[in-house]
Amino acid sequence: MGINDRAQNRKDEKRAAAQAKRKLRDSATTSRGAADWETADGVLVCKLVATLAGDGGAVRFGYTRDGGAYAVGIYGDGEPYTVYISPSEDLNGWLRNAIEDFSA
């Protein structure tokens, strides 16, 4: 096996691994439906923003790359981090708990 063969094998392995990841990512959207921020209680979203902003923090609302879950970025509570919430979870309940936690 020559140098070119090894290089080609590495490329083929990387390509196969990337394809496998794509398959996993594409199948990650559950049959329960994709995450949709329209279902969130707007008052709770605003209250969470106000609670974090009042302490000099911030919040980012988004989705996972495949749209299969909510992604909430928290800034100002130590190192920034992202919380992922499945659409099968109680989104408004999570928002209430976060407001309570950050209000304390």
PDB file of N, CA and C in Angstrom:
ATOM      1  N   MET A   1       0.849  -1.180   0.000  1.00  0.00           N
ATOM      2  CA  MET A   1       0.000   0.000   0.000  1.00  0.00           C
ATOM      3  C   MET A   1       0.889   1.236   0.000  1.00  0.00           C
ATOM      4  N   GLY A   2       0.684   2.104  -0.975  1.00  0.00           N
ATOM      5  CA  GLY A   2       1.493   3.294  -1.104  1.00  0.00           C
ATOM      6  C   GLY A   2       0.917   4.468  -0.332  1.00  0.00           C
ATOM      7  N   ILE A   3       1.632   5.571  -0.344  1.00  0.00           N
ATOM      8  CA  ILE A   3       1.223   6.786   0.351  1.00  0.00           C
ATOM      9  C   ILE A   3      -0.095   7.305  -0.215  1.00  0.00           C
ATOM     10  N   ASN A   4      -0.246   7.270  -1.521  1.00  0.00           N
ATOM     11  CA  ASN A   4      -1.479   7.751  -2.148  1.00  0.00           C
ATOM     12  C   ASN A   4      -2.674   6.906  -1.746  1.00  0.00           C
ATOM     13  N   ASP A   5      -2.470   5.596  -1.623  1.00  0.00           N
ATOM     14  CA  ASP A   5      -3.556   4.712  -1.198  1.00  0.00           C
ATOM     15  C   ASP A   5      -4.002   5.047   0.225  1.00  0.00           C
ATOM     16  N   ARG A   6      -3.053   5.270   1.113  1.00  0.00           N
ATOM     17  CA  ARG A   6      -3.396   5.610   2.507  1.00  0.00           C
ATOM     18  C   ARG A   6      -4.141   6.937   2.575  1.00  0.00           C
ATOM     19  N   ALA A   7      -3.677   7.905   1.810  1.00  0.00           N
ATOM     20  CA  ALA A   7      -4.345   9.212   1.788  1.00  0.00           C
ATOM     21  C   ALA A   7      -5.769   9.068   1.261  1.00  0.00           C
ATOM     22  N   GLN A   8      -5.934   8.283   0.210  1.00  0.00           N
ATOM     23  CA  GLN A   8      -7.273   8.078  -0.346  1.00  0.00           C
ATOM     24  C   GLN A   8      -8.167   7.343   0.648  1.00  0.00           C
ATOM     25  N   ASN A   9      -7.617   6.367   1.363  1.00  0.00           N
ATOM     26  CA  ASN A   9      -8.393   5.631   2.370  1.00  0.00           C
ATOM     27  C   ASN A   9      -8.858   6.568   3.483  1.00  0.00           C
ATOM     28  N   ARG A  10      -7.978   7.479   3.920  1.00  0.00           N
ATOM     29  CA  ARG A  10      -8.363   8.442   4.960  1.00  0.00           C
ATOM     30  C   ARG A  10      -9.504   9.339   4.459  1.00  0.00           C
ATOM     31  N   LYS A  11      -9.404   9.796   3.219  1.00  0.00           N
ATOM     32  CA  LYS A  11     -10.465  10.624   2.646  1.00  0.00           C
ATOM     33  C   LYS A  11     -11.777   9.852   2.583  1.00  0.00           C
ATOM     34  N   ASP A  12     -11.707   8.594   2.153  1.00  0.00           N
ATOM     35  CA  ASP A  12     -12.915   7.773   2.066  1.00  0.00           C
ATOM     36  C   ASP A  12     -13.538   7.560   3.440  1.00  0.00           C
ATOM     37  N   GLU A  13     -12.685   7.329   4.456  1.00  0.00           N
ATOM     38  CA  GLU A  13     -13.194   7.134   5.814  1.00  0.00           C
ATOM     39  C   GLU A  13     -13.860   8.401   6.335  1.00  0.00           C
ATOM     40  N   LYS A  14     -13.256   9.566   6.093  1.00  0.00           N
ATOM     41  CA  LYS A  14     -13.847  10.837   6.518  1.00  0.00           C
ATOM     42  C   LYS A  14     -15.185  11.066   5.828  1.00  0.00           C
ATOM     43  N   ARG A  15     -15.229  10.766   4.536  1.00  0.00           N
ATOM     44  CA  ARG A  15     -16.462  10.949   3.779  1.00  0.00           C
ATOM     45  C   ARG A  15     -17.568  10.037   4.314  1.00  0.00           C
ATOM     46  N   ALA A  16     -17.213   8.788   4.632  1.00  0.00           N
ATOM     47  CA  ALA A  16     -18.194   7.843   5.165  1.00  0.00           C
ATOM     48  C   ALA A  16     -18.679   8.285   6.546  1.00  0.00           C
ATOM     49  N   ALA A  17     -17.760   8.798   7.371  1.00  0.00           N
ATOM     50  CA  ALA A  17     -18.148   9.267   8.706  1.00  0.00           C
ATOM     51  C   ALA A  17     -19.076  10.473   8.604  1.00  0.00           C
ATOM     52  N   ALA A  18     -18.774  11.389   7.692  1.00  0.00           N
ATOM     53  CA  ALA A  18     -19.628  12.568   7.510  1.00  0.00           C
ATOM     54  C   ALA A  18     -21.009  12.165   7.013  1.00  0.00           C
ATOM     55  N   GLN A  19     -21.057  11.173   6.131  1.00  0.00           N
ATOM     56  CA  GLN A  19     -22.342  10.707   5.621  1.00  0.00           C
ATOM     57  C   GLN A  19     -23.154  10.055   6.734  1.00  0.00           C
ATOM     58  N   ALA A  20     -22.499   9.308   7.612  1.00  0.00           N
ATOM     59  CA  ALA A  20     -23.191   8.678   8.734  1.00  0.00           C
ATOM     60  C   ALA A  20     -23.759   9.738   9.677  1.00  0.00           C
ATOM     61  N   LYS A  21     -22.986  10.806   9.929  1.00  0.00           N
ATOM     62  CA  LYS A  21     -23.469  11.893  10.786  1.00  0.00           C
ATOM     63  C   LYS A  21     -24.689  12.560  10.164  1.00  0.00           C
ATOM     64  N   ARG A  22     -24.652  12.772   8.852  1.00  0.00           N
ATOM     65  CA  ARG A  22     -25.779  13.384   8.162  1.00  0.00           C
ATOM     66  C   ARG A  22     -27.038  12.544   8.323  1.00  0.00           C
ATOM     67  N   LYS A  23     -26.884  11.230   8.220  1.00  0.00           N
ATOM     68  CA  LYS A  23     -28.041  10.344   8.374  1.00  0.00           C
ATOM     69  C   LYS A  23     -28.616  10.463   9.780  1.00  0.00           C
ATOM     70  N   LEU A  24     -27.730  10.511  10.787  1.00  0.00           N
ATOM     71  CA  LEU A  24     -28.207  10.651  12.166  1.00  0.00           C
ATOM     72  C   LEU A  24     -28.900  11.985  12.361  1.00  0.00           C
ATOM     73  N   ARG A  25     -28.308  13.045  11.831  1.00  0.00           N
ATOM     74  CA  ARG A  25     -28.872  14.384  11.985  1.00  0.00           C
ATOM     75  C   ARG A  25     -30.226  14.469  11.296  1.00  0.00           C
ATOM     76  N   ASP A  26     -30.325  13.904  10.095  1.00  0.00           N
ATOM     77  CA  ASP A  26     -31.576  13.971   9.345  1.00  0.00           C
ATOM     78  C   ASP A  26     -32.684  13.172  10.007  1.00  0.00           C
ATOM     79  N   SER A  27     -32.340  12.136  10.747  1.00  0.00           N
ATOM     80  CA  SER A  27     -33.357  11.325  11.404  1.00  0.00           C
ATOM     81  C   SER A  27     -33.677  11.814  12.803  1.00  0.00           C
ATOM     82  N   ALA A  28     -33.013  12.875  13.253  1.00  0.00           N
ATOM     83  CA  ALA A  28     -33.201  13.345  14.623  1.00  0.00           C
ATOM     84  C   ALA A  28     -34.551  14.015  14.846  1.00  0.00           C
ATOM     85  N   THR A  29     -35.181  14.545  13.798  1.00  0.00           N
ATOM     86  CA  THR A  29     -36.491  15.166  13.956  1.00  0.00           C
ATOM     87  C   THR A  29     -37.490  14.078  14.302  1.00  0.00           C
ATOM     88  N   THR A  30     -38.150  14.244  15.422  1.00  0.00           N
ATOM     89  CA  THR A  30     -39.043  13.211  15.909  1.00  0.00           C
ATOM     90  C   THR A  30     -40.374  13.252  15.191  1.00  0.00           C
ATOM     91  N   SER A  31     -41.119  12.200  15.329  1.00  0.00           N
ATOM     92  CA  SER A  31     -42.442  12.149  14.720  1.00  0.00           C
ATOM     93  C   SER A  31     -43.415  13.079  15.447  1.00  0.00           C
ATOM     94  N   ARG A  32     -43.040  13.563  16.626  1.00  0.00           N
ATOM     95  CA  ARG A  32     -43.892  14.484  17.376  1.00  0.00           C
ATOM     96  C   ARG A  32     -43.863  15.877  16.766  1.00  0.00           C
ATOM     97  N   GLY A  33     -42.980  16.093  15.822  1.00  0.00           N
ATOM     98  CA  GLY A  33     -42.899  17.388  15.166  1.00  0.00           C
ATOM     99  C   GLY A  33     -41.664  18.147  15.596  1.00  0.00           C
ATOM    100  N   ALA A  34     -41.375  19.139  14.818  1.00  0.00           N
ATOM    101  CA  ALA A  34     -40.219  19.969  15.099  1.00  0.00           C
ATOM    102  C   ALA A  34     -40.572  21.009  16.152  1.00  0.00           C
ATOM    103  N   ALA A  35     -39.546  21.555  16.742  1.00  0.00           N
ATOM    104  CA  ALA A  35     -39.731  22.619  17.725  1.00  0.00           C
ATOM    105  C   ALA A  35     -40.297  23.857  17.021  1.00  0.00           C
ATOM    106  N   ASP A  36     -41.166  24.600  17.706  1.00  0.00           N
ATOM    107  CA  ASP A  36     -41.782  25.781  17.122  1.00  0.00           C
ATOM    108  C   ASP A  36     -41.969  26.825  18.228  1.00  0.00           C
ATOM    109  N   TRP A  37     -41.188  27.904  18.159  1.00  0.00           N
ATOM    110  CA  TRP A  37     -41.255  28.928  19.203  1.00  0.00           C
ATOM    111  C   TRP A  37     -42.623  29.601  19.254  1.00  0.00           C
ATOM    112  N   GLU A  38     -43.418  29.470  18.210  1.00  0.00           N
ATOM    113  CA  GLU A  38     -44.753  30.056  18.223  1.00  0.00           C
ATOM    114  C   GLU A  38     -45.624  29.461  19.318  1.00  0.00           C
ATOM    115  N   THR A  39     -45.284  28.271  19.774  1.00  0.00           N
ATOM    116  CA  THR A  39     -46.064  27.617  20.824  1.00  0.00           C
ATOM    117  C   THR A  39     -45.684  28.119  22.219  1.00  0.00           C
ATOM    118  N   ALA A  40     -44.610  28.886  22.319  1.00  0.00           N
ATOM    119  CA  ALA A  40     -44.171  29.410  23.619  1.00  0.00           C
ATOM    120  C   ALA A  40     -45.070  30.557  24.063  1.00  0.00           C
ATOM    121  N   ASP A  41     -45.267  30.652  25.362  1.00  0.00           N
ATOM    122  CA  ASP A  41     -46.028  31.763  25.940  1.00  0.00           C
ATOM    123  C   ASP A  41     -45.161  33.017  25.853  1.00  0.00           C
ATOM    124  N   GLY A  42     -45.598  33.990  25.064  1.00  0.00           N
ATOM    125  CA  GLY A  42     -44.833  35.209  24.843  1.00  0.00           C
ATOM    126  C   GLY A  42     -44.542  35.987  26.119  1.00  0.00           C
ATOM    127  N   VAL A  43     -45.479  35.958  27.061  1.00  0.00           N
ATOM    128  CA  VAL A  43     -45.271  36.661  28.334  1.00  0.00           C
ATOM    129  C   VAL A  43     -44.093  36.030  29.084  1.00  0.00           C
ATOM    130  N   LEU A  44     -44.021  34.699  29.070  1.00  0.00           N
ATOM    131  CA  LEU A  44     -42.917  34.017  29.758  1.00  0.00           C
ATOM    132  C   LEU A  44     -41.583  34.298  29.075  1.00  0.00           C
ATOM    133  N   VAL A  45     -41.586  34.341  27.741  1.00  0.00           N
ATOM    134  CA  VAL A  45     -40.358  34.647  27.003  1.00  0.00           C
ATOM    135  C   VAL A  45     -39.875  36.046  27.378  1.00  0.00           C
ATOM    136  N   CYS A  46     -40.781  37.024  27.373  1.00  0.00           N
ATOM    137  CA  CYS A  46     -40.420  38.405  27.729  1.00  0.00           C
ATOM    138  C   CYS A  46     -39.939  38.499  29.172  1.00  0.00           C
ATOM    139  N   LYS A  47     -40.597  37.771  30.057  1.00  0.00           N
ATOM    140  CA  LYS A  47     -40.208  37.800  31.474  1.00  0.00           C
ATOM    141  C   LYS A  47     -38.803  37.219  31.659  1.00  0.00           C
ATOM    142  N   LEU A  48     -38.478  36.141  30.925  1.00  0.00           N
ATOM    143  CA  LEU A  48     -37.126  35.571  31.021  1.00  0.00           C
ATOM    144  C   LEU A  48     -36.097  36.563  30.502  1.00  0.00           C
ATOM    145  N   VAL A  49     -36.400  37.225  29.378  1.00  0.00           N
ATOM    146  CA  VAL A  49     -35.492  38.242  28.839  1.00  0.00           C
ATOM    147  C   VAL A  49     -35.276  39.342  29.877  1.00  0.00           C
ATOM    148  N   ALA A  50     -36.365  39.840  30.459  1.00  0.00           N
ATOM    149  CA  ALA A  50     -36.268  40.930  31.440  1.00  0.00           C
ATOM    150  C   ALA A  50     -35.499  40.494  32.682  1.00  0.00           C
ATOM    151  N   THR A  51     -35.736  39.266  33.125  1.00  0.00           N
ATOM    152  CA  THR A  51     -35.061  38.762  34.327  1.00  0.00           C
ATOM    153  C   THR A  51     -33.555  38.692  34.109  1.00  0.00           C
ATOM    154  N   LEU A  52     -33.123  38.122  32.979  1.00  0.00           N
ATOM    155  CA  LEU A  52     -31.689  38.020  32.713  1.00  0.00           C
ATOM    156  C   LEU A  52     -31.076  39.386  32.425  1.00  0.00           C
ATOM    157  N   ALA A  53     -31.770  40.222  31.657  1.00  0.00           N
ATOM    158  CA  ALA A  53     -31.238  41.539  31.319  1.00  0.00           C
ATOM    159  C   ALA A  53     -31.106  42.412  32.564  1.00  0.00           C
ATOM    160  N   GLY A  54     -32.017  42.230  33.517  1.00  0.00           N
ATOM    161  CA  GLY A  54     -31.961  43.004  34.758  1.00  0.00           C
ATOM    162  C   GLY A  54     -30.685  42.762  35.545  1.00  0.00           C
ATOM    163  N   ASP A  55     -30.077  41.606  35.354  1.00  0.00           N
ATOM    164  CA  ASP A  55     -28.822  41.279  36.031  1.00  0.00           C
ATOM    165  C   ASP A  55     -27.619  41.412  35.104  1.00  0.00           C
ATOM    166  N   GLY A  56     -27.821  42.063  33.943  1.00  0.00           N
ATOM    167  CA  GLY A  56     -26.715  42.260  33.007  1.00  0.00           C
ATOM    168  C   GLY A  56     -26.485  41.079  32.085  1.00  0.00           C
ATOM    169  N   GLY A  57     -27.398  40.132  32.049  1.00  0.00           N
ATOM    170  CA  GLY A  57     -27.254  38.960  31.188  1.00  0.00           C
ATOM    171  C   GLY A  57     -28.064  39.095  29.918  1.00  0.00           C
ATOM    172  N   ALA A  58     -28.140  38.018  29.208  1.00  0.00           N
ATOM    173  CA  ALA A  58     -28.904  37.991  27.959  1.00  0.00           C
ATOM    174  C   ALA A  58     -29.326  36.556  27.680  1.00  0.00           C
ATOM    175  N   VAL A  59     -30.255  36.419  26.754  1.00  0.00           N
ATOM    176  CA  VAL A  59     -30.731  35.102  26.369  1.00  0.00           C
ATOM    177  C   VAL A  59     -30.865  35.065  24.851  1.00  0.00           C
ATOM    178  N   ARG A  60     -30.572  33.907  24.270  1.00  0.00           N
ATOM    179  CA  ARG A  60     -30.687  33.696  22.824  1.00  0.00           C
ATOM    180  C   ARG A  60     -31.655  32.548  22.590  1.00  0.00           C
ATOM    181  N   PHE A  61     -32.626  32.752  21.720  1.00  0.00           N
ATOM    182  CA  PHE A  61     -33.604  31.719  21.401  1.00  0.00           C
ATOM    183  C   PHE A  61     -33.361  31.230  19.982  1.00  0.00           C
ATOM    184  N   GLY A  62     -33.330  29.926  19.821  1.00  0.00           N
ATOM    185  CA  GLY A  62     -33.130  29.362  18.485  1.00  0.00           C
ATOM    186  C   GLY A  62     -33.540  27.901  18.463  1.00  0.00           C
ATOM    187  N   TYR A  63     -33.032  27.218  17.473  1.00  0.00           N
ATOM    188  CA  TYR A  63     -33.319  25.800  17.282  1.00  0.00           C
ATOM    189  C   TYR A  63     -32.006  25.049  17.091  1.00  0.00           C
ATOM    190  N   THR A  64     -32.055  23.751  17.290  1.00  0.00           N
ATOM    191  CA  THR A  64     -30.912  22.935  16.918  1.00  0.00           C
ATOM    192  C   THR A  64     -30.803  22.975  15.396  1.00  0.00           C
ATOM    193  N   ARG A  65     -29.689  22.554  14.886  1.00  0.00           N
ATOM    194  CA  ARG A  65     -29.437  22.631  13.451  1.00  0.00           C
ATOM    195  C   ARG A  65     -30.519  21.937  12.629  1.00  0.00           C
ATOM    196  N   ASP A  66     -31.042  20.823  13.139  1.00  0.00           N
ATOM    197  CA  ASP A  66     -32.061  20.082  12.398  1.00  0.00           C
ATOM    198  C   ASP A  66     -33.478  20.549  12.695  1.00  0.00           C
ATOM    199  N   GLY A  67     -33.632  21.536  13.588  1.00  0.00           N
ATOM    200  CA  GLY A  67     -34.948  22.056  13.930  1.00  0.00           C
ATOM    201  C   GLY A  67     -35.728  21.135  14.842  1.00  0.00           C
ATOM    202  N   GLY A  68     -35.082  20.106  15.350  1.00  0.00           N
ATOM    203  CA  GLY A  68     -35.764  19.105  16.163  1.00  0.00           C
ATOM    204  C   GLY A  68     -35.883  19.456  17.630  1.00  0.00           C
ATOM    205  N   ALA A  69     -35.240  20.529  18.080  1.00  0.00           N
ATOM    206  CA  ALA A  69     -35.315  20.914  19.492  1.00  0.00           C
ATOM    207  C   ALA A  69     -35.079  22.414  19.614  1.00  0.00           C
ATOM    208  N   TYR A  70     -35.500  22.946  20.742  1.00  0.00           N
ATOM    209  CA  TYR A  70     -35.259  24.351  21.055  1.00  0.00           C
ATOM    210  C   TYR A  70     -33.834  24.486  21.579  1.00  0.00           C
ATOM    211  N   ALA A  71     -33.202  25.613  21.299  1.00  0.00           N
ATOM    212  CA  ALA A  71     -31.876  25.916  21.822  1.00  0.00           C
ATOM    213  C   ALA A  71     -31.964  27.280  22.503  1.00  0.00           C
ATOM    214  N   VAL A  72     -31.669  27.308  23.800  1.00  0.00           N
ATOM    215  CA  VAL A  72     -31.735  28.554  24.570  1.00  0.00           C
ATOM    216  C   VAL A  72     -30.337  28.852  25.095  1.00  0.00           C
ATOM    217  N   GLY A  73     -29.758  29.945  24.621  1.00  0.00           N
ATOM    218  CA  GLY A  73     -28.427  30.359  25.065  1.00  0.00           C
ATOM    219  C   GLY A  73     -28.551  31.303  26.250  1.00  0.00           C
ATOM    220  N   ILE A  74     -27.785  31.022  27.282  1.00  0.00           N
ATOM    221  CA  ILE A  74     -27.799  31.839  28.496  1.00  0.00           C
ATOM    222  C   ILE A  74     -26.456  32.546  28.631  1.00  0.00           C
ATOM    223  N   TYR A  75     -26.493  33.857  28.773  1.00  0.00           N
ATOM    224  CA  TYR A  75     -25.298  34.677  28.926  1.00  0.00           C
ATOM    225  C   TYR A  75     -25.405  35.461  30.222  1.00  0.00           C
ATOM    226  N   GLY A  76     -24.313  35.549  30.953  1.00  0.00           N
ATOM    227  CA  GLY A  76     -24.296  36.331  32.179  1.00  0.00           C
ATOM    228  C   GLY A  76     -24.436  35.495  33.433  1.00  0.00           C
ATOM    229  N   ASP A  77     -24.465  34.188  33.288  1.00  0.00           N
ATOM    230  CA  ASP A  77     -24.556  33.262  34.419  1.00  0.00           C
ATOM    231  C   ASP A  77     -23.289  32.415  34.410  1.00  0.00           C
ATOM    232  N   GLY A  78     -22.142  33.070  34.587  1.00  0.00           N
ATOM    233  CA  GLY A  78     -20.859  32.377  34.436  1.00  0.00           C
ATOM    234  C   GLY A  78     -20.526  32.299  32.953  1.00  0.00           C
ATOM    235  N   GLU A  79     -19.961  31.188  32.535  1.00  0.00           N
ATOM    236  CA  GLU A  79     -19.645  30.979  31.128  1.00  0.00           C
ATOM    237  C   GLU A  79     -20.946  30.810  30.333  1.00  0.00           C
ATOM    238  N   PRO A  80     -21.028  31.378  29.140  1.00  0.00           N
ATOM    239  CA  PRO A  80     -22.231  31.184  28.322  1.00  0.00           C
ATOM    240  C   PRO A  80     -22.458  29.699  28.039  1.00  0.00           C
ATOM    241  N   TYR A  81     -23.709  29.302  27.992  1.00  0.00           N
ATOM    242  CA  TYR A  81     -24.035  27.910  27.702  1.00  0.00           C
ATOM    243  C   TYR A  81     -25.377  27.847  26.991  1.00  0.00           C
ATOM    244  N   THR A  82     -25.650  26.697  26.385  1.00  0.00           N
ATOM    245  CA  THR A  82     -26.896  26.486  25.657  1.00  0.00           C
ATOM    246  C   THR A  82     -27.653  25.329  26.280  1.00  0.00           C
ATOM    247  N   VAL A  83     -28.939  25.526  26.484  1.00  0.00           N
ATOM    248  CA  VAL A  83     -29.831  24.486  26.992  1.00  0.00           C
ATOM    249  C   VAL A  83     -30.673  24.013  25.813  1.00  0.00           C
ATOM    250  N   TYR A  84     -30.780  22.697  25.660  1.00  0.00           N
ATOM    251  CA  TYR A  84     -31.579  22.118  24.585  1.00  0.00           C
ATOM    252  C   TYR A  84     -32.845  21.523  25.178  1.00  0.00           C
ATOM    253  N   ILE A  85     -33.985  21.874  24.589  1.00  0.00           N
ATOM    254  CA  ILE A  85     -35.279  21.429  25.099  1.00  0.00           C
ATOM    255  C   ILE A  85     -35.998  20.692  23.978  1.00  0.00           C
ATOM    256  N   SER A  86     -36.362  19.464  24.245  1.00  0.00           N
ATOM    257  CA  SER A  86     -37.072  18.650  23.260  1.00  0.00           C
ATOM    258  C   SER A  86     -38.499  19.163  23.097  1.00  0.00           C
ATOM    259  N   PRO A  87     -39.069  19.058  21.894  1.00  0.00           N
ATOM    260  CA  PRO A  87     -40.456  19.482  21.706  1.00  0.00           C
ATOM    261  C   PRO A  87     -41.436  18.660  22.548  1.00  0.00           C
ATOM    262  N   SER A  88     -41.030  17.485  22.991  1.00  0.00           N
ATOM    263  CA  SER A  88     -41.914  16.665  23.821  1.00  0.00           C
ATOM    264  C   SER A  88     -41.921  17.139  25.277  1.00  0.00           C
ATOM    265  N   GLU A  89     -40.965  17.999  25.641  1.00  0.00           N
ATOM    266  CA  GLU A  89     -40.924  18.558  26.995  1.00  0.00           C
ATOM    267  C   GLU A  89     -41.880  19.747  27.091  1.00  0.00           C
ATOM    268  N   ASP A  90     -42.186  20.136  28.321  1.00  0.00           N
ATOM    269  CA  ASP A  90     -43.060  21.279  28.574  1.00  0.00           C
ATOM    270  C   ASP A  90     -42.241  22.566  28.470  1.00  0.00           C
ATOM    271  N   LEU A  91     -42.289  23.210  27.301  1.00  0.00           N
ATOM    272  CA  LEU A  91     -41.498  24.408  27.060  1.00  0.00           C
ATOM    273  C   LEU A  91     -41.867  25.532  28.024  1.00  0.00           C
ATOM    274  N   ASN A  92     -43.164  25.777  28.204  1.00  0.00           N
ATOM    275  CA  ASN A  92     -43.587  26.857  29.097  1.00  0.00           C
ATOM    276  C   ASN A  92     -43.218  26.550  30.543  1.00  0.00           C
ATOM    277  N   GLY A  93     -43.271  25.291  30.932  1.00  0.00           N
ATOM    278  CA  GLY A  93     -42.820  24.899  32.269  1.00  0.00           C
ATOM    279  C   GLY A  93     -41.333  25.172  32.445  1.00  0.00           C
ATOM    280  N   TRP A  94     -40.545  24.880  31.396  1.00  0.00           N
ATOM    281  CA  TRP A  94     -39.109  25.159  31.466  1.00  0.00           C
ATOM    282  C   TRP A  94     -38.876  26.658  31.609  1.00  0.00           C
ATOM    283  N   LEU A  95     -39.622  27.468  30.854  1.00  0.00           N
ATOM    284  CA  LEU A  95     -39.474  28.916  30.936  1.00  0.00           C
ATOM    285  C   LEU A  95     -39.812  29.411  32.352  1.00  0.00           C
ATOM    286  N   ARG A  96     -40.888  28.889  32.937  1.00  0.00           N
ATOM    287  CA  ARG A  96     -41.261  29.278  34.314  1.00  0.00           C
ATOM    288  C   ARG A  96     -40.151  28.936  35.291  1.00  0.00           C
ATOM    289  N   ASN A  97     -39.617  27.722  35.183  1.00  0.00           N
ATOM    290  CA  ASN A  97     -38.537  27.299  36.089  1.00  0.00           C
ATOM    291  C   ASN A  97     -37.298  28.153  35.916  1.00  0.00           C
ATOM    292  N   ALA A  98     -36.961  28.503  34.662  1.00  0.00           N
ATOM    293  CA  ALA A  98     -35.787  29.342  34.416  1.00  0.00           C
ATOM    294  C   ALA A  98     -35.966  30.727  35.019  1.00  0.00           C
ATOM    295  N   ILE A  99     -37.162  31.281  34.893  1.00  0.00           N
ATOM    296  CA  ILE A  99     -37.458  32.598  35.478  1.00  0.00           C
ATOM    297  C   ILE A  99     -37.286  32.534  36.989  1.00  0.00           C
ATOM    298  N   GLU A 100     -37.822  31.506  37.610  1.00  0.00           N
ATOM    299  CA  GLU A 100     -37.668  31.341  39.058  1.00  0.00           C
ATOM    300  C   GLU A 100     -36.210  31.213  39.451  1.00  0.00           C
ATOM    301  N   ASP A 101     -35.477  30.370  38.731  1.00  0.00           N
ATOM    302  CA  ASP A 101     -34.058  30.144  39.052  1.00  0.00           C
ATOM    303  C   ASP A 101     -33.240  31.431  38.948  1.00  0.00           C
ATOM    304  N   PHE A 102     -33.465  32.202  37.877  1.00  0.00           N
ATOM    305  CA  PHE A 102     -32.673  33.409  37.679  1.00  0.00           C
ATOM    306  C   PHE A 102     -33.171  34.578  38.527  1.00  0.00           C
ATOM    307  N   SER A 103     -34.383  34.485  39.043  1.00  0.00           N
ATOM    308  CA  SER A 103     -34.908  35.538  39.919  1.00  0.00           C
ATOM    309  C   SER A 103     -34.353  35.407  41.337  1.00  0.00           C
ATOM    310  N   ALA A 104     -33.976  34.198  41.705  1.00  0.00           N
ATOM    311  CA  ALA A 104     -33.513  33.931  43.078  1.00  0.00           C
ATOM    312  C   ALA A 104     -32.148  34.526  43.351  1.00  0.00           C
TER     313      ALA A 104
END
